[in-house]
Every structure is written in C-alpha cells, then in structure tokens.
Amino acid sequence: MKTSLIIWISSFIVALVTSVALANPDMLPKHPGYPMGKSVDPVKGQPLANDPGQTNASGENALAGSATFDDAHSSQQFSINQNDQRLLQKPGAGILPTVQGPNIKIEPPVKEATKINASPQ
C-alpha cells in the first residue's frame, strides 16, 4: 500500500512538472513591464523573457498605472457623522467647538465646597 502511494504521488509530481515545462508561452498575458525586449540567450538562442517583444513599462503609462494601483486600498472613506453636521468651528484640543443651534453651557458639577474650620473646638 505504501509503495503504490509513493508511485502515485511521484507520477502526479512528474506530470505536474511536465505540464508546467510544456506550458504555452502564447497564453501569458500581454502587458508592458518586462525590460528584456527581444533579447536572446547567446548560447542556446532562446528568448530571455517570458513574453519576448513586449516593451518596457516606461513613460506616462507606467507613472499613471503605478499612481492608481492601490487607490481603493489606501484611500480613506469616512461615513458621515450626523453630529458633525452642526459644527461651525473646531477651535482645537480642549476647547468645545462652536455649533449651530442652541448654545448649551456645561456647568461644573460642584459650585461650592464645604468649609471646615481650621481649629476645631
């Protein structure tokens, strides 16, 4: 049982490697980006790039493509906060903002402290 399993796995691996080695390069996507152009190997005469003849990605197309590549992932899209609709001015940290509507004043919770005599009788 163990020997037959090893034979099946090894034949599957050989078939997989063979299919990858005999893959059709014409099925590769046509896009700019490989700088090799039509370069060939001086010894065997085979092309050095996966898609020979393609131009290098340069110029305005490359800059525009790289600028817009990750926009959907890196841009922030905040939901509209209904409380921010009333804001007129945000003065900064520690200061309450000026809002549209009634002017609500927040009173401190304690207005006067209890007094204790310094010399108890």
C-alpha atoms as a PDB file:
ATOM      1  CA  MET A   1       0.000   0.000   0.000  1.00  0.00           C
ATOM      2  CA  LYS A   2       2.807   2.375   0.898  1.00  0.00           C
ATOM      3  CA  THR A   3       4.711   1.621  -2.314  1.00  0.00           C
ATOM      4  CA  SER A   4       1.673   2.223  -4.532  1.00  0.00           C
ATOM      5  CA  LEU A   5       1.003   5.531  -2.783  1.00  0.00           C
ATOM      6  CA  ILE A   6       4.581   6.645  -3.414  1.00  0.00           C
ATOM      7  CA  ILE A   7       4.294   5.635  -7.088  1.00  0.00           C
ATOM      8  CA  TRP A   8       1.011   7.576  -7.499  1.00  0.00           C
ATOM      9  CA  ILE A   9       2.413  10.698  -5.826  1.00  0.00           C
ATOM     10  CA  SER A  10       5.653  10.601  -7.831  1.00  0.00           C
ATOM     11  CA  SER A  11       3.765  10.140 -11.128  1.00  0.00           C
ATOM     12  CA  PHE A  12       1.499  13.077 -10.231  1.00  0.00           C
ATOM     13  CA  ILE A  13       4.515  15.272  -9.482  1.00  0.00           C
ATOM     14  CA  VAL A  14       6.208  14.273 -12.760  1.00  0.00           C
ATOM     15  CA  ALA A  15       3.006  15.072 -14.701  1.00  0.00           C
ATOM     16  CA  LEU A  16       2.702  18.426 -12.958  1.00  0.00           C
ATOM     17  CA  VAL A  17       6.306  19.392 -13.673  1.00  0.00           C
ATOM     18  CA  THR A  18       5.956  18.291 -17.297  1.00  0.00           C
ATOM     19  CA  SER A  19       2.801  20.337 -17.791  1.00  0.00           C
ATOM     20  CA  VAL A  20       4.479  23.415 -16.346  1.00  0.00           C
ATOM     21  CA  ALA A  21       7.570  22.876 -18.514  1.00  0.00           C
ATOM     22  CA  LEU A  22       5.493  22.485 -21.694  1.00  0.00           C
ATOM     23  CA  ALA A  23       3.201  25.440 -20.999  1.00  0.00           C
ATOM     24  CA  ASN A  24       2.306  27.573 -23.976  1.00  0.00           C
ATOM     25  CA  PRO A  25       4.015  30.994 -23.674  1.00  0.00           C
ATOM     26  CA  ASP A  26       1.399  32.490 -26.015  1.00  0.00           C
ATOM     27  CA  MET A  27      -1.153  32.084 -23.230  1.00  0.00           C
ATOM     28  CA  LEU A  28       0.745  34.505 -20.990  1.00  0.00           C
ATOM     29  CA  PRO A  29      -0.890  37.936 -20.612  1.00  0.00           C
ATOM     30  CA  LYS A  30       0.214  40.673 -22.983  1.00  0.00           C
ATOM     31  CA  HIS A  31       1.291  43.651 -20.911  1.00  0.00           C
ATOM     32  CA  PRO A  32       4.252  46.003 -20.736  1.00  0.00           C
ATOM     33  CA  GLY A  33       6.649  45.537 -17.906  1.00  0.00           C
ATOM     34  CA  TYR A  34       9.496  43.238 -18.854  1.00  0.00           C
ATOM     35  CA  PRO A  35      12.544  45.240 -19.898  1.00  0.00           C
ATOM     36  CA  MET A  36      14.086  42.362 -21.854  1.00  0.00           C
ATOM     37  CA  GLY A  37      12.504  43.180 -25.203  1.00  0.00           C
ATOM     38  CA  LYS A  38      13.680  40.701 -27.865  1.00  0.00           C
ATOM     39  CA  SER A  39      16.829  39.620 -26.014  1.00  0.00           C
ATOM     40  CA  VAL A  40      18.003  36.067 -26.688  1.00  0.00           C
ATOM     41  CA  ASP A  41      20.382  33.766 -24.889  1.00  0.00           C
ATOM     42  CA  PRO A  42      23.759  33.793 -26.726  1.00  0.00           C
ATOM     43  CA  VAL A  43      24.364  30.098 -26.040  1.00  0.00           C
ATOM     44  CA  LYS A  44      21.027  28.414 -26.792  1.00  0.00           C
ATOM     45  CA  GLY A  45      19.289  31.167 -28.763  1.00  0.00           C
ATOM     46  CA  GLN A  46      16.182  31.045 -26.585  1.00  0.00           C
ATOM     47  CA  PRO A  47      14.353  34.226 -25.588  1.00  0.00           C
ATOM     48  CA  LEU A  48      15.313  35.538 -22.137  1.00  0.00           C
ATOM     49  CA  ALA A  49      11.889  36.957 -21.258  1.00  0.00           C
ATOM     50  CA  ASN A  50       8.600  35.150 -20.739  1.00  0.00           C
ATOM     51  CA  ASP A  51       6.937  37.360 -23.326  1.00  0.00           C
ATOM     52  CA  PRO A  52       9.633  38.471 -25.787  1.00  0.00           C
ATOM     53  CA  GLY A  53       8.950  41.539 -27.877  1.00  0.00           C
ATOM     54  CA  GLN A  54       6.992  43.422 -25.211  1.00  0.00           C
ATOM     55  CA  THR A  55       8.174  46.926 -24.455  1.00  0.00           C
ATOM     56  CA  ASN A  56       9.341  48.158 -21.096  1.00  0.00           C
ATOM     57  CA  ALA A  57       6.762  49.904 -18.929  1.00  0.00           C
ATOM     58  CA  SER A  58       8.047  53.448 -19.067  1.00  0.00           C
ATOM     59  CA  GLY A  59       6.767  56.940 -19.531  1.00  0.00           C
ATOM     60  CA  GLU A  60       3.351  58.300 -18.708  1.00  0.00           C
ATOM     61  CA  ASN A  61       1.543  54.943 -18.814  1.00  0.00           C
ATOM     62  CA  ALA A  62       3.794  53.454 -16.147  1.00  0.00           C
ATOM     63  CA  LEU A  63       3.501  56.520 -13.916  1.00  0.00           C
ATOM     64  CA  ALA A  64      -0.279  56.648 -14.238  1.00  0.00           C
ATOM     65  CA  GLY A  65      -0.613  52.921 -13.606  1.00  0.00           C
ATOM     66  CA  SER A  66       1.590  52.996 -10.536  1.00  0.00           C
ATOM     67  CA  ALA A  67      -0.199  56.046  -9.138  1.00  0.00           C
ATOM     68  CA  THR A  68      -3.635  54.462  -9.364  1.00  0.00           C
ATOM     69  CA  PHE A  69      -2.629  50.898  -8.471  1.00  0.00           C
ATOM     70  CA  ASP A  70      -3.572  50.903  -4.785  1.00  0.00           C
ATOM     71  CA  ASP A  71      -6.120  53.726  -4.578  1.00  0.00           C
ATOM     72  CA  ALA A  72      -9.026  51.554  -3.457  1.00  0.00           C
ATOM     73  CA  HIS A  73      -6.979  50.091  -0.610  1.00  0.00           C
ATOM     74  CA  SER A  74      -5.177  53.182   0.647  1.00  0.00           C
ATOM     75  CA  SER A  75      -7.850  55.883   0.422  1.00  0.00           C
ATOM     76  CA  GLN A  76      -9.966  56.653   3.466  1.00  0.00           C
ATOM     77  CA  GLN A  77     -13.731  56.819   3.132  1.00  0.00           C
ATOM     78  CA  PHE A  78     -15.374  58.033   6.311  1.00  0.00           C
ATOM     79  CA  SER A  79     -19.064  57.685   6.971  1.00  0.00           C
ATOM     80  CA  ILE A  80     -20.944  60.926   7.536  1.00  0.00           C
ATOM     81  CA  ASN A  81     -21.232  61.654  11.245  1.00  0.00           C
ATOM     82  CA  GLN A  82     -24.587  63.301  11.924  1.00  0.00           C
ATOM     83  CA  ASN A  83     -23.144  65.171  14.915  1.00  0.00           C
ATOM     84  CA  ASP A  84     -20.598  66.917  12.677  1.00  0.00           C
ATOM     85  CA  GLN A  85     -23.347  68.474  10.543  1.00  0.00           C
ATOM     86  CA  ARG A  86     -23.904  71.183  13.195  1.00  0.00           C
ATOM     87  CA  LEU A  87     -20.248  72.192  13.583  1.00  0.00           C
ATOM     88  CA  LEU A  88     -19.363  75.756  12.636  1.00  0.00           C
ATOM     89  CA  GLN A  89     -15.834  75.936  14.023  1.00  0.00           C
ATOM     90  CA  LYS A  90     -13.365  73.481  15.574  1.00  0.00           C
ATOM     91  CA  PRO A  91     -11.011  75.621  17.693  1.00  0.00           C
ATOM     92  CA  GLY A  92      -8.691  72.820  18.804  1.00  0.00           C
ATOM     93  CA  ALA A  93      -7.903  70.383  21.562  1.00  0.00           C
ATOM     94  CA  GLY A  94      -9.514  71.003  24.950  1.00  0.00           C
ATOM     95  CA  ILE A  95     -11.891  73.703  23.667  1.00  0.00           C
ATOM     96  CA  LEU A  96     -15.503  72.940  22.837  1.00  0.00           C
ATOM     97  CA  PRO A  97     -16.441  73.586  19.204  1.00  0.00           C
ATOM     98  CA  THR A  98     -18.914  76.225  18.101  1.00  0.00           C
ATOM     99  CA  VAL A  99     -22.093  74.550  16.882  1.00  0.00           C
ATOM    100  CA  GLN A 100     -25.234  75.636  15.116  1.00  0.00           C
ATOM    101  CA  GLY A 101     -28.345  75.617  17.277  1.00  0.00           C
ATOM    102  CA  PRO A 102     -28.907  76.296  20.978  1.00  0.00           C
ATOM    103  CA  ASN A 103     -25.891  77.459  22.929  1.00  0.00           C
ATOM    104  CA  ILE A 104     -25.571  74.862  25.667  1.00  0.00           C
ATOM    105  CA  LYS A 105     -23.361  75.818  28.571  1.00  0.00           C
ATOM    106  CA  ILE A 106     -21.946  72.981  30.651  1.00  0.00           C
ATOM    107  CA  GLU A 107     -21.822  73.908  34.334  1.00  0.00           C
ATOM    108  CA  PRO A 108     -19.234  72.380  36.656  1.00  0.00           C
ATOM    109  CA  PRO A 109     -20.745  69.686  38.892  1.00  0.00           C
ATOM    110  CA  VAL A 110     -19.627  71.407  42.155  1.00  0.00           C
ATOM    111  CA  LYS A 111     -20.187  75.131  42.650  1.00  0.00           C
ATOM    112  CA  GLU A 112     -19.034  75.485  46.224  1.00  0.00           C
ATOM    113  CA  ALA A 113     -17.037  73.249  48.518  1.00  0.00           C
ATOM    114  CA  THR A 114     -17.901  72.595  52.141  1.00  0.00           C
ATOM    115  CA  LYS A 115     -15.977  74.749  54.580  1.00  0.00           C
ATOM    116  CA  ILE A 116     -14.150  73.290  57.519  1.00  0.00           C
ATOM    117  CA  ASN A 117     -12.751  75.297  60.386  1.00  0.00           C
ATOM    118  CA  ALA A 118      -9.014  75.063  60.779  1.00  0.00           C
ATOM    119  CA  SER A 119      -9.171  74.964  64.603  1.00  0.00           C
ATOM    120  CA  PRO A 120     -11.786  72.528  65.848  1.00  0.00           C
ATOM    121  CA  GLN A 121     -13.474  73.498  69.160  1.00  0.00           C
END
